[in-house]
């Protein structure tokens, strides 16, 4: 099993840690900026996106990195309502055991 949610107290894989260390110590630029440190960070993000896409047989533009589960859940809930309605889907089923971000997003969707 590959489990990627380190926020849930899963130990980070050594290979991931090794790959990230340069960006935590020396190459810590903001990928959204134009200075050289930022451009190198952007190149690294785009390379990671390409690697993930290749691994799962997707297109790089289909890969979206988020800061964690809550952001991912919100993005999923708030990016699909129109698509779902256009295709005849009117229900989303959750349970009380879902993460709070899922429950809040589902409740918010009811109001749309």
PDB file of N, CA and C in Angstrom:
ATOM      1  N   UNK A   1       0.836  -1.176   0.000  1.00  0.00           N
ATOM      2  CA  UNK A   1       0.000   0.000   0.000  1.00  0.00           C
ATOM      3  C   UNK A   1       0.880   1.239   0.000  1.00  0.00           C
ATOM      4  N   UNK A   2       0.498   2.240  -0.782  1.00  0.00           N
ATOM      5  CA  UNK A   2       1.187   3.526  -0.789  1.00  0.00           C
ATOM      6  C   UNK A   2       0.262   4.525  -0.123  1.00  0.00           C
ATOM      7  N   UNK A   3       0.677   5.086   0.978  1.00  0.00           N
ATOM      8  CA  UNK A   3      -0.137   6.018   1.738  1.00  0.00           C
ATOM      9  C   UNK A   3       0.584   7.352   1.784  1.00  0.00           C
ATOM     10  N   UNK A   4      -0.024   8.400   1.251  1.00  0.00           N
ATOM     11  CA  UNK A   4       0.658   9.668   1.062  1.00  0.00           C
ATOM     12  C   UNK A   4       0.222  10.766   2.034  1.00  0.00           C
ATOM     13  N   UNK A   5      -0.605  10.459   3.022  1.00  0.00           N
ATOM     14  CA  UNK A   5      -1.125  11.490   3.908  1.00  0.00           C
ATOM     15  C   UNK A   5      -0.289  11.597   5.175  1.00  0.00           C
ATOM     16  N   UNK A   6       0.838  12.307   5.079  1.00  0.00           N
ATOM     17  CA  UNK A   6       1.721  12.442   6.228  1.00  0.00           C
ATOM     18  C   UNK A   6       1.073  13.223   7.362  1.00  0.00           C
ATOM     19  N   UNK A   7       0.078  14.043   7.066  1.00  0.00           N
ATOM     20  CA  UNK A   7      -0.597  14.793   8.118  1.00  0.00           C
ATOM     21  C   UNK A   7      -1.340  13.855   9.057  1.00  0.00           C
ATOM     22  N   UNK A   8      -1.598  12.656   8.620  1.00  0.00           N
ATOM     23  CA  UNK A   8      -2.281  11.675   9.466  1.00  0.00           C
ATOM     24  C   UNK A   8      -1.271  10.855  10.262  1.00  0.00           C
ATOM     25  N   UNK A   9      -0.121  11.400  10.510  1.00  0.00           N
ATOM     26  CA  UNK A   9       0.966  10.825  11.317  1.00  0.00           C
ATOM     27  C   UNK A   9       1.627   9.607  10.704  1.00  0.00           C
ATOM     28  N   UNK A  10       1.576   9.501   9.390  1.00  0.00           N
ATOM     29  CA  UNK A  10       2.299   8.439   8.711  1.00  0.00           C
ATOM     30  C   UNK A  10       3.733   8.905   8.490  1.00  0.00           C
ATOM     31  N   UNK A  11       4.680   8.051   8.806  1.00  0.00           N
ATOM     32  CA  UNK A  11       6.079   8.420   8.613  1.00  0.00           C
ATOM     33  C   UNK A  11       6.356   8.639   7.135  1.00  0.00           C
ATOM     34  N   UNK A  12       7.094   9.694   6.836  1.00  0.00           N
ATOM     35  CA  UNK A  12       7.424   9.998   5.454  1.00  0.00           C
ATOM     36  C   UNK A  12       8.414   8.958   4.918  1.00  0.00           C
ATOM     37  N   UNK A  13       8.189   8.530   3.714  1.00  0.00           N
ATOM     38  CA  UNK A  13       9.064   7.559   3.072  1.00  0.00           C
ATOM     39  C   UNK A  13      10.455   8.172   2.903  1.00  0.00           C
ATOM     40  N   UNK A  14      11.488   7.411   3.181  1.00  0.00           N
ATOM     41  CA  UNK A  14      12.869   7.905   3.095  1.00  0.00           C
ATOM     42  C   UNK A  14      13.203   8.455   1.713  1.00  0.00           C
ATOM     43  N   UNK A  15      12.673   7.823   0.662  1.00  0.00           N
ATOM     44  CA  UNK A  15      12.951   8.292  -0.700  1.00  0.00           C
ATOM     45  C   UNK A  15      12.352   9.668  -0.932  1.00  0.00           C
ATOM     46  N   UNK A  16      11.178   9.896  -0.369  1.00  0.00           N
ATOM     47  CA  UNK A  16      10.536  11.206  -0.494  1.00  0.00           C
ATOM     48  C   UNK A  16      11.330  12.241   0.294  1.00  0.00           C
ATOM     49  N   UNK A  17      11.719  11.886   1.497  1.00  0.00           N
ATOM     50  CA  UNK A  17      12.514  12.798   2.320  1.00  0.00           C
ATOM     51  C   UNK A  17      13.818  13.161   1.622  1.00  0.00           C
ATOM     52  N   UNK A  18      14.507  12.175   1.091  1.00  0.00           N
ATOM     53  CA  UNK A  18      15.767  12.433   0.382  1.00  0.00           C
ATOM     54  C   UNK A  18      15.556  13.354  -0.816  1.00  0.00           C
ATOM     55  N   UNK A  19      14.471  13.123  -1.546  1.00  0.00           N
ATOM     56  CA  UNK A  19      14.188  13.948  -2.724  1.00  0.00           C
ATOM     57  C   UNK A  19      13.829  15.376  -2.332  1.00  0.00           C
ATOM     58  N   UNK A  20      13.218  15.547  -1.166  1.00  0.00           N
ATOM     59  CA  UNK A  20      12.767  16.877  -0.738  1.00  0.00           C
ATOM     60  C   UNK A  20      13.821  17.680   0.013  1.00  0.00           C
ATOM     61  N   UNK A  21      14.836  17.031   0.553  1.00  0.00           N
ATOM     62  CA  UNK A  21      15.820  17.735   1.381  1.00  0.00           C
ATOM     63  C   UNK A  21      16.456  18.940   0.699  1.00  0.00           C
ATOM     64  N   UNK A  22      16.837  18.866  -0.564  1.00  0.00           N
ATOM     65  CA  UNK A  22      17.414  20.073  -1.175  1.00  0.00           C
ATOM     66  C   UNK A  22      16.453  21.259  -1.151  1.00  0.00           C
ATOM     67  N   UNK A  23      15.150  20.986  -1.237  1.00  0.00           N
ATOM     68  CA  UNK A  23      14.164  22.058  -1.274  1.00  0.00           C
ATOM     69  C   UNK A  23      13.777  22.532   0.118  1.00  0.00           C
ATOM     70  N   UNK A  24      14.195  21.801   1.126  1.00  0.00           N
ATOM     71  CA  UNK A  24      13.943  22.213   2.500  1.00  0.00           C
ATOM     72  C   UNK A  24      15.141  22.952   3.087  1.00  0.00           C
ATOM     73  N   UNK A  25      16.306  22.765   2.484  1.00  0.00           N
ATOM     74  CA  UNK A  25      17.512  23.374   3.045  1.00  0.00           C
ATOM     75  C   UNK A  25      18.138  24.432   2.139  1.00  0.00           C
ATOM     76  N   UNK A  26      18.349  24.119   0.860  1.00  0.00           N
ATOM     77  CA  UNK A  26      19.046  25.060  -0.014  1.00  0.00           C
ATOM     78  C   UNK A  26      18.128  25.660  -1.084  1.00  0.00           C
ATOM     79  N   UNK A  27      17.309  24.866  -1.710  1.00  0.00           N
ATOM     80  CA  UNK A  27      16.492  25.285  -2.850  1.00  0.00           C
ATOM     81  C   UNK A  27      15.062  25.592  -2.398  1.00  0.00           C
ATOM     82  N   UNK A  28      14.935  26.518  -1.464  1.00  0.00           N
ATOM     83  CA  UNK A  28      13.643  26.758  -0.837  1.00  0.00           C
ATOM     84  C   UNK A  28      12.882  27.929  -1.449  1.00  0.00           C
ATOM     85  N   UNK A  29      13.105  28.202  -2.711  1.00  0.00           N
ATOM     86  CA  UNK A  29      12.441  29.316  -3.381  1.00  0.00           C
ATOM     87  C   UNK A  29      10.966  29.069  -3.608  1.00  0.00           C
ATOM     88  N   UNK A  30      10.249  30.162  -3.761  1.00  0.00           N
ATOM     89  CA  UNK A  30       8.820  30.122  -4.048  1.00  0.00           C
ATOM     90  C   UNK A  30       8.648  29.888  -5.546  1.00  0.00           C
ATOM     91  N   UNK A  31       8.021  28.784  -5.947  1.00  0.00           N
ATOM     92  CA  UNK A  31       7.903  28.482  -7.379  1.00  0.00           C
ATOM     93  C   UNK A  31       7.038  29.473  -8.151  1.00  0.00           C
ATOM     94  N   UNK A  32       6.353  30.354  -7.454  1.00  0.00           N
ATOM     95  CA  UNK A  32       5.515  31.340  -8.120  1.00  0.00           C
ATOM     96  C   UNK A  32       6.212  32.666  -8.368  1.00  0.00           C
ATOM     97  N   UNK A  33       7.522  32.710  -8.138  1.00  0.00           N
ATOM     98  CA  UNK A  33       8.253  33.961  -8.313  1.00  0.00           C
ATOM     99  C   UNK A  33       9.159  33.898  -9.534  1.00  0.00           C
ATOM    100  N   UNK A  34       9.769  35.020  -9.888  1.00  0.00           N
ATOM    101  CA  UNK A  34      10.589  35.072 -11.103  1.00  0.00           C
ATOM    102  C   UNK A  34      12.092  35.010 -10.823  1.00  0.00           C
ATOM    103  N   UNK A  35      12.508  35.106  -9.567  1.00  0.00           N
ATOM    104  CA  UNK A  35      13.940  35.065  -9.291  1.00  0.00           C
ATOM    105  C   UNK A  35      14.469  33.635  -9.447  1.00  0.00           C
ATOM    106  N   UNK A  36      15.774  33.488  -9.552  1.00  0.00           N
ATOM    107  CA  UNK A  36      16.369  32.191  -9.927  1.00  0.00           C
ATOM    108  C   UNK A  36      16.025  31.065  -8.957  1.00  0.00           C
ATOM    109  N   UNK A  37      16.037  31.346  -7.669  1.00  0.00           N
ATOM    110  CA  UNK A  37      15.698  30.299  -6.697  1.00  0.00           C
ATOM    111  C   UNK A  37      14.259  29.832  -6.913  1.00  0.00           C
ATOM    112  N   UNK A  38      13.368  30.751  -7.193  1.00  0.00           N
ATOM    113  CA  UNK A  38      11.976  30.404  -7.460  1.00  0.00           C
ATOM    114  C   UNK A  38      11.808  29.642  -8.765  1.00  0.00           C
ATOM    115  N   UNK A  39      12.554  30.038  -9.784  1.00  0.00           N
ATOM    116  CA  UNK A  39      12.449  29.327 -11.073  1.00  0.00           C
ATOM    117  C   UNK A  39      12.927  27.889 -10.926  1.00  0.00           C
ATOM    118  N   UNK A  40      13.982  27.681 -10.145  1.00  0.00           N
ATOM    119  CA  UNK A  40      14.461  26.304  -9.927  1.00  0.00           C
ATOM    120  C   UNK A  40      13.411  25.491  -9.160  1.00  0.00           C
ATOM    121  N   UNK A  41      12.760  26.130  -8.205  1.00  0.00           N
ATOM    122  CA  UNK A  41      11.697  25.434  -7.466  1.00  0.00           C
ATOM    123  C   UNK A  41      10.545  25.089  -8.408  1.00  0.00           C
ATOM    124  N   UNK A  42      10.199  26.005  -9.295  1.00  0.00           N
ATOM    125  CA  UNK A  42       9.124  25.730 -10.256  1.00  0.00           C
ATOM    126  C   UNK A  42       9.503  24.575 -11.177  1.00  0.00           C
ATOM    127  N   UNK A  43      10.739  24.543 -11.624  1.00  0.00           N
ATOM    128  CA  UNK A  43      11.201  23.429 -12.466  1.00  0.00           C
ATOM    129  C   UNK A  43      11.074  22.111 -11.719  1.00  0.00           C
ATOM    130  N   UNK A  44      11.414  22.113 -10.434  1.00  0.00           N
ATOM    131  CA  UNK A  44      11.313  20.890  -9.632  1.00  0.00           C
ATOM    132  C   UNK A  44       9.857  20.452  -9.483  1.00  0.00           C
ATOM    133  N   UNK A  45       8.958  21.401  -9.262  1.00  0.00           N
ATOM    134  CA  UNK A  45       7.536  21.074  -9.138  1.00  0.00           C
ATOM    135  C   UNK A  45       7.022  20.492 -10.450  1.00  0.00           C
ATOM    136  N   UNK A  46       7.397  21.101 -11.560  1.00  0.00           N
ATOM    137  CA  UNK A  46       6.933  20.611 -12.863  1.00  0.00           C
ATOM    138  C   UNK A  46       7.511  19.236 -13.181  1.00  0.00           C
ATOM    139  N   UNK A  47       8.746  18.993 -12.764  1.00  0.00           N
ATOM    140  CA  UNK A  47       9.340  17.664 -12.964  1.00  0.00           C
ATOM    141  C   UNK A  47       8.605  16.630 -12.115  1.00  0.00           C
ATOM    142  N   UNK A  48       8.284  16.997 -10.882  1.00  0.00           N
ATOM    143  CA  UNK A  48       7.520  16.093 -10.011  1.00  0.00           C
ATOM    144  C   UNK A  48       6.146  15.806 -10.615  1.00  0.00           C
ATOM    145  N   UNK A  49       5.511  16.845 -11.153  1.00  0.00           N
ATOM    146  CA  UNK A  49       4.200  16.673 -11.782  1.00  0.00           C
ATOM    147  C   UNK A  49       4.303  15.699 -12.959  1.00  0.00           C
ATOM    148  N   UNK A  50       5.338  15.863 -13.774  1.00  0.00           N
ATOM    149  CA  UNK A  50       5.547  14.968 -14.921  1.00  0.00           C
ATOM    150  C   UNK A  50       5.803  13.540 -14.455  1.00  0.00           C
ATOM    151  N   UNK A  51       6.586  13.383 -13.398  1.00  0.00           N
ATOM    152  CA  UNK A  51       6.884  12.046 -12.874  1.00  0.00           C
ATOM    153  C   UNK A  51       5.623  11.350 -12.367  1.00  0.00           C
ATOM    154  N   UNK A  52       4.815  12.070 -11.610  1.00  0.00           N
ATOM    155  CA  UNK A  52       3.571  11.486 -11.095  1.00  0.00           C
ATOM    156  C   UNK A  52       2.647  11.122 -12.251  1.00  0.00           C
ATOM    157  N   UNK A  53       2.531  12.026 -13.211  1.00  0.00           N
ATOM    158  CA  UNK A  53       1.663  11.768 -14.363  1.00  0.00           C
ATOM    159  C   UNK A  53       2.104  10.513 -15.105  1.00  0.00           C
ATOM    160  N   UNK A  54       3.386  10.399 -15.337  1.00  0.00           N
ATOM    161  CA  UNK A  54       3.900   9.221 -16.040  1.00  0.00           C
ATOM    162  C   UNK A  54       3.614   7.948 -15.243  1.00  0.00           C
ATOM    163  N   UNK A  55       3.798   8.031 -13.946  1.00  0.00           N
ATOM    164  CA  UNK A  55       3.601   6.873 -13.076  1.00  0.00           C
ATOM    165  C   UNK A  55       2.166   6.364 -13.126  1.00  0.00           C
ATOM    166  N   UNK A  56       1.204   7.283 -13.180  1.00  0.00           N
ATOM    167  CA  UNK A  56      -0.203   6.855 -13.184  1.00  0.00           C
ATOM    168  C   UNK A  56      -0.835   6.947 -14.571  1.00  0.00           C
ATOM    169  N   UNK A  57      -0.002   7.152 -15.588  1.00  0.00           N
ATOM    170  CA  UNK A  57      -0.463   7.209 -16.986  1.00  0.00           C
ATOM    171  C   UNK A  57      -1.504   8.325 -17.191  1.00  0.00           C
ATOM    172  N   UNK A  58      -1.154   9.507 -16.705  1.00  0.00           N
ATOM    173  CA  UNK A  58      -2.001  10.688 -16.858  1.00  0.00           C
ATOM    174  C   UNK A  58      -1.209  11.756 -17.600  1.00  0.00           C
ATOM    175  N   UNK A  59      -1.843  12.866 -17.840  1.00  0.00           N
ATOM    176  CA  UNK A  59      -1.170  14.018 -18.431  1.00  0.00           C
ATOM    177  C   UNK A  59      -0.714  14.926 -17.298  1.00  0.00           C
ATOM    178  N   UNK A  60       0.442  15.550 -17.434  1.00  0.00           N
ATOM    179  CA  UNK A  60       0.914  16.433 -16.352  1.00  0.00           C
ATOM    180  C   UNK A  60      -0.113  17.490 -15.947  1.00  0.00           C
ATOM    181  N   UNK A  61      -0.856  18.024 -16.901  1.00  0.00           N
ATOM    182  CA  UNK A  61      -1.842  19.064 -16.558  1.00  0.00           C
ATOM    183  C   UNK A  61      -3.017  18.504 -15.756  1.00  0.00           C
ATOM    184  N   UNK A  62      -3.100  17.185 -15.630  1.00  0.00           N
ATOM    185  CA  UNK A  62      -4.148  16.575 -14.817  1.00  0.00           C
ATOM    186  C   UNK A  62      -3.716  16.396 -13.365  1.00  0.00           C
ATOM    187  N   UNK A  63      -2.467  16.674 -13.076  1.00  0.00           N
ATOM    188  CA  UNK A  63      -1.931  16.503 -11.726  1.00  0.00           C
ATOM    189  C   UNK A  63      -1.983  17.840 -10.997  1.00  0.00           C
ATOM    190  N   UNK A  64      -2.646  17.843  -9.840  1.00  0.00           N
ATOM    191  CA  UNK A  64      -2.754  19.043  -9.017  1.00  0.00           C
ATOM    192  C   UNK A  64      -2.189  18.717  -7.648  1.00  0.00           C
ATOM    193  N   UNK A  65      -1.222  19.494  -7.210  1.00  0.00           N
ATOM    194  CA  UNK A  65      -0.669  19.317  -5.873  1.00  0.00           C
ATOM    195  C   UNK A  65      -1.404  20.245  -4.914  1.00  0.00           C
ATOM    196  N   UNK A  66      -1.755  19.719  -3.755  1.00  0.00           N
ATOM    197  CA  UNK A  66      -2.410  20.519  -2.722  1.00  0.00           C
ATOM    198  C   UNK A  66      -1.584  20.449  -1.450  1.00  0.00           C
ATOM    199  N   UNK A  67      -1.973  21.262  -0.490  1.00  0.00           N
ATOM    200  CA  UNK A  67      -1.229  21.300   0.767  1.00  0.00           C
ATOM    201  C   UNK A  67      -1.667  20.210   1.735  1.00  0.00           C
ATOM    202  N   UNK A  68      -2.754  19.518   1.430  1.00  0.00           N
ATOM    203  CA  UNK A  68      -3.198  18.468   2.335  1.00  0.00           C
ATOM    204  C   UNK A  68      -4.611  18.003   2.030  1.00  0.00           C
ATOM    205  N   UNK A  69      -5.109  17.158   2.899  1.00  0.00           N
ATOM    206  CA  UNK A  69      -6.401  16.529   2.692  1.00  0.00           C
ATOM    207  C   UNK A  69      -7.572  17.488   2.666  1.00  0.00           C
ATOM    208  N   UNK A  70      -7.585  18.474   3.565  1.00  0.00           N
ATOM    209  CA  UNK A  70      -8.704  19.412   3.598  1.00  0.00           C
ATOM    210  C   UNK A  70      -8.786  20.200   2.304  1.00  0.00           C
ATOM    211  N   UNK A  71      -7.661  20.705   1.838  1.00  0.00           N
ATOM    212  CA  UNK A  71      -7.668  21.442   0.577  1.00  0.00           C
ATOM    213  C   UNK A  71      -8.105  20.536  -0.574  1.00  0.00           C
ATOM    214  N   UNK A  72      -7.630  19.316  -0.584  1.00  0.00           N
ATOM    215  CA  UNK A  72      -8.013  18.365  -1.638  1.00  0.00           C
ATOM    216  C   UNK A  72      -9.505  18.076  -1.604  1.00  0.00           C
ATOM    217  N   UNK A  73     -10.045  17.845  -0.411  1.00  0.00           N
ATOM    218  CA  UNK A  73     -11.481  17.578  -0.286  1.00  0.00           C
ATOM    219  C   UNK A  73     -12.303  18.773  -0.759  1.00  0.00           C
ATOM    220  N   UNK A  74     -11.916  19.965  -0.341  1.00  0.00           N
ATOM    221  CA  UNK A  74     -12.638  21.164  -0.772  1.00  0.00           C
ATOM    222  C   UNK A  74     -12.570  21.326  -2.281  1.00  0.00           C
ATOM    223  N   UNK A  75     -11.407  21.101  -2.853  1.00  0.00           N
ATOM    224  CA  UNK A  75     -11.264  21.226  -4.298  1.00  0.00           C
ATOM    225  C   UNK A  75     -12.171  20.232  -5.019  1.00  0.00           C
ATOM    226  N   UNK A  76     -12.209  19.017  -4.531  1.00  0.00           N
ATOM    227  CA  UNK A  76     -13.050  17.995  -5.162  1.00  0.00           C
ATOM    228  C   UNK A  76     -14.518  18.375  -5.082  1.00  0.00           C
ATOM    229  N   UNK A  77     -14.955  18.825  -3.922  1.00  0.00           N
ATOM    230  CA  UNK A  77     -16.364  19.161  -3.754  1.00  0.00           C
ATOM    231  C   UNK A  77     -16.771  20.399  -4.529  1.00  0.00           C
ATOM    232  N   UNK A  78     -15.915  21.394  -4.595  1.00  0.00           N
ATOM    233  CA  UNK A  78     -16.328  22.656  -5.193  1.00  0.00           C
ATOM    234  C   UNK A  78     -15.946  22.794  -6.657  1.00  0.00           C
ATOM    235  N   UNK A  79     -15.291  21.803  -7.202  1.00  0.00           N
ATOM    236  CA  UNK A  79     -14.947  21.875  -8.623  1.00  0.00           C
ATOM    237  C   UNK A  79     -15.867  21.014  -9.482  1.00  0.00           C
ATOM    238  N   UNK A  80     -16.714  20.217  -8.867  1.00  0.00           N
ATOM    239  CA  UNK A  80     -17.517  19.281  -9.654  1.00  0.00           C
ATOM    240  C   UNK A  80     -19.033  19.481  -9.667  1.00  0.00           C
ATOM    241  N   UNK A  81     -19.629  20.358  -8.865  1.00  0.00           N
ATOM    242  CA  UNK A  81     -21.102  20.405  -8.833  1.00  0.00           C
ATOM    243  C   UNK A  81     -21.756  20.599 -10.193  1.00  0.00           C
ATOM    244  N   UNK A  82     -21.280  21.556 -10.973  1.00  0.00           N
ATOM    245  CA  UNK A  82     -21.903  21.792 -12.287  1.00  0.00           C
ATOM    246  C   UNK A  82     -21.772  20.569 -13.181  1.00  0.00           C
ATOM    247  N   UNK A  83     -20.597  19.944 -13.164  1.00  0.00           N
ATOM    248  CA  UNK A  83     -20.378  18.742 -13.983  1.00  0.00           C
ATOM    249  C   UNK A  83     -21.363  17.654 -13.570  1.00  0.00           C
ATOM    250  N   UNK A  84     -21.494  17.440 -12.278  1.00  0.00           N
ATOM    251  CA  UNK A  84     -22.397  16.391 -11.787  1.00  0.00           C
ATOM    252  C   UNK A  84     -23.837  16.664 -12.201  1.00  0.00           C
ATOM    253  N   UNK A  85     -24.271  17.899 -12.017  1.00  0.00           N
ATOM    254  CA  UNK A  85     -25.644  18.240 -12.392  1.00  0.00           C
ATOM    255  C   UNK A  85     -25.877  18.096 -13.892  1.00  0.00           C
ATOM    256  N   UNK A  86     -24.882  18.506 -14.700  1.00  0.00           N
ATOM    257  CA  UNK A  86     -25.007  18.382 -16.158  1.00  0.00           C
ATOM    258  C   UNK A  86     -25.148  16.934 -16.599  1.00  0.00           C
ATOM    259  N   UNK A  87     -24.613  16.013 -15.808  1.00  0.00           N
ATOM    260  CA  UNK A  87     -24.653  14.597 -16.152  1.00  0.00           C
ATOM    261  C   UNK A  87     -25.707  13.829 -15.357  1.00  0.00           C
ATOM    262  N   UNK A  88     -26.621  14.565 -14.735  1.00  0.00           N
ATOM    263  CA  UNK A  88     -27.758  13.924 -14.087  1.00  0.00           C
ATOM    264  C   UNK A  88     -27.526  13.405 -12.684  1.00  0.00           C
ATOM    265  N   UNK A  89     -26.391  13.726 -12.093  1.00  0.00           N
ATOM    266  CA  UNK A  89     -26.134  13.276 -10.727  1.00  0.00           C
ATOM    267  C   UNK A  89     -26.596  14.341  -9.754  1.00  0.00           C
ATOM    268  N   UNK A  90     -27.440  13.940  -8.806  1.00  0.00           N
ATOM    269  CA  UNK A  90     -27.996  14.913  -7.878  1.00  0.00           C
ATOM    270  C   UNK A  90     -27.699  14.574  -6.428  1.00  0.00           C
ATOM    271  N   UNK A  91     -27.004  13.487  -6.181  1.00  0.00           N
ATOM    272  CA  UNK A  91     -26.777  13.060  -4.799  1.00  0.00           C
ATOM    273  C   UNK A  91     -25.305  12.748  -4.567  1.00  0.00           C
ATOM    274  N   UNK A  92     -24.848  13.119  -3.402  1.00  0.00           N
ATOM    275  CA  UNK A  92     -23.537  12.700  -2.915  1.00  0.00           C
ATOM    276  C   UNK A  92     -23.792  12.047  -1.566  1.00  0.00           C
ATOM    277  N   UNK A  93     -23.285  10.872  -1.400  1.00  0.00           N
ATOM    278  CA  UNK A  93     -23.514  10.127  -0.166  1.00  0.00           C
ATOM    279  C   UNK A  93     -22.242  10.142   0.668  1.00  0.00           C
ATOM    280  N   UNK A  94     -22.385  10.522   1.922  1.00  0.00           N
ATOM    281  CA  UNK A  94     -21.273  10.505   2.870  1.00  0.00           C
ATOM    282  C   UNK A  94     -21.748   9.773   4.124  1.00  0.00           C
ATOM    283  N   UNK A  95     -20.848   9.627   5.069  1.00  0.00           N
ATOM    284  CA  UNK A  95     -21.227   9.039   6.348  1.00  0.00           C
ATOM    285  C   UNK A  95     -20.680   9.910   7.470  1.00  0.00           C
ATOM    286  N   UNK A  96     -21.158   9.695   8.650  1.00  0.00           N
ATOM    287  CA  UNK A  96     -20.714  10.487   9.799  1.00  0.00           C
ATOM    288  C   UNK A  96     -19.242  10.265  10.123  1.00  0.00           C
ATOM    289  N   UNK A  97     -18.658   9.220   9.572  1.00  0.00           N
ATOM    290  CA  UNK A  97     -17.253   8.937   9.872  1.00  0.00           C
ATOM    291  C   UNK A  97     -16.292   9.662   8.928  1.00  0.00           C
ATOM    292  N   UNK A  98     -16.831  10.406   7.960  1.00  0.00           N
ATOM    293  CA  UNK A  98     -15.984  11.158   7.043  1.00  0.00           C
ATOM    294  C   UNK A  98     -15.220  12.254   7.781  1.00  0.00           C
ATOM    295  N   UNK A  99     -14.124  12.672   7.198  1.00  0.00           N
ATOM    296  CA  UNK A  99     -13.356  13.794   7.729  1.00  0.00           C
ATOM    297  C   UNK A  99     -14.254  15.028   7.754  1.00  0.00           C
ATOM    298  N   UNK A 100     -14.039  15.879   8.725  1.00  0.00           N
ATOM    299  CA  UNK A 100     -14.855  17.077   8.877  1.00  0.00           C
ATOM    300  C   UNK A 100     -14.878  17.918   7.602  1.00  0.00           C
ATOM    301  N   UNK A 101     -13.779  17.987   6.879  1.00  0.00           N
ATOM    302  CA  UNK A 101     -13.761  18.792   5.650  1.00  0.00           C
ATOM    303  C   UNK A 101     -14.700  18.213   4.593  1.00  0.00           C
ATOM    304  N   UNK A 102     -14.879  16.903   4.575  1.00  0.00           N
ATOM    305  CA  UNK A 102     -15.820  16.275   3.647  1.00  0.00           C
ATOM    306  C   UNK A 102     -17.249  16.604   4.074  1.00  0.00           C
ATOM    307  N   UNK A 103     -17.539  16.457   5.358  1.00  0.00           N
ATOM    308  CA  UNK A 103     -18.892  16.723   5.847  1.00  0.00           C
ATOM    309  C   UNK A 103     -19.287  18.179   5.641  1.00  0.00           C
ATOM    310  N   UNK A 104     -18.375  19.084   5.928  1.00  0.00           N
ATOM    311  CA  UNK A 104     -18.685  20.508   5.751  1.00  0.00           C
ATOM    312  C   UNK A 104     -18.861  20.850   4.272  1.00  0.00           C
ATOM    313  N   UNK A 105     -18.028  20.275   3.434  1.00  0.00           N
ATOM    314  CA  UNK A 105     -18.152  20.538   2.000  1.00  0.00           C
ATOM    315  C   UNK A 105     -19.447  19.965   1.450  1.00  0.00           C
ATOM    316  N   UNK A 106     -19.815  18.781   1.879  1.00  0.00           N
ATOM    317  CA  UNK A 106     -21.063  18.171   1.419  1.00  0.00           C
ATOM    318  C   UNK A 106     -22.254  19.007   1.875  1.00  0.00           C
ATOM    319  N   UNK A 107     -22.201  19.464   3.108  1.00  0.00           N
ATOM    320  CA  UNK A 107     -23.288  20.301   3.615  1.00  0.00           C
ATOM    321  C   UNK A 107     -23.365  21.605   2.817  1.00  0.00           C
ATOM    322  N   UNK A 108     -22.247  22.184   2.518  1.00  0.00           N
ATOM    323  CA  UNK A 108     -22.221  23.429   1.725  1.00  0.00           C
ATOM    324  C   UNK A 108     -22.787  23.200   0.333  1.00  0.00           C
ATOM    325  N   UNK A 109     -22.497  22.033  -0.257  1.00  0.00           N
ATOM    326  CA  UNK A 109     -23.023  21.730  -1.577  1.00  0.00           C
ATOM    327  C   UNK A 109     -24.542  21.660  -1.556  1.00  0.00           C
ATOM    328  N   UNK A 110     -25.120  21.220  -0.457  1.00  0.00           N
ATOM    329  CA  UNK A 110     -26.572  21.150  -0.348  1.00  0.00           C
ATOM    330  C   UNK A 110     -27.191  22.532  -0.515  1.00  0.00           C
ATOM    331  N   UNK A 111     -26.431  23.554  -0.120  1.00  0.00           N
ATOM    332  CA  UNK A 111     -26.939  24.930  -0.158  1.00  0.00           C
ATOM    333  C   UNK A 111     -26.829  25.549  -1.546  1.00  0.00           C
ATOM    334  N   UNK A 112     -26.075  24.915  -2.444  1.00  0.00           N
ATOM    335  CA  UNK A 112     -25.888  25.489  -3.786  1.00  0.00           C
ATOM    336  C   UNK A 112     -27.097  25.277  -4.675  1.00  0.00           C
TER     337      UNK A 112
END
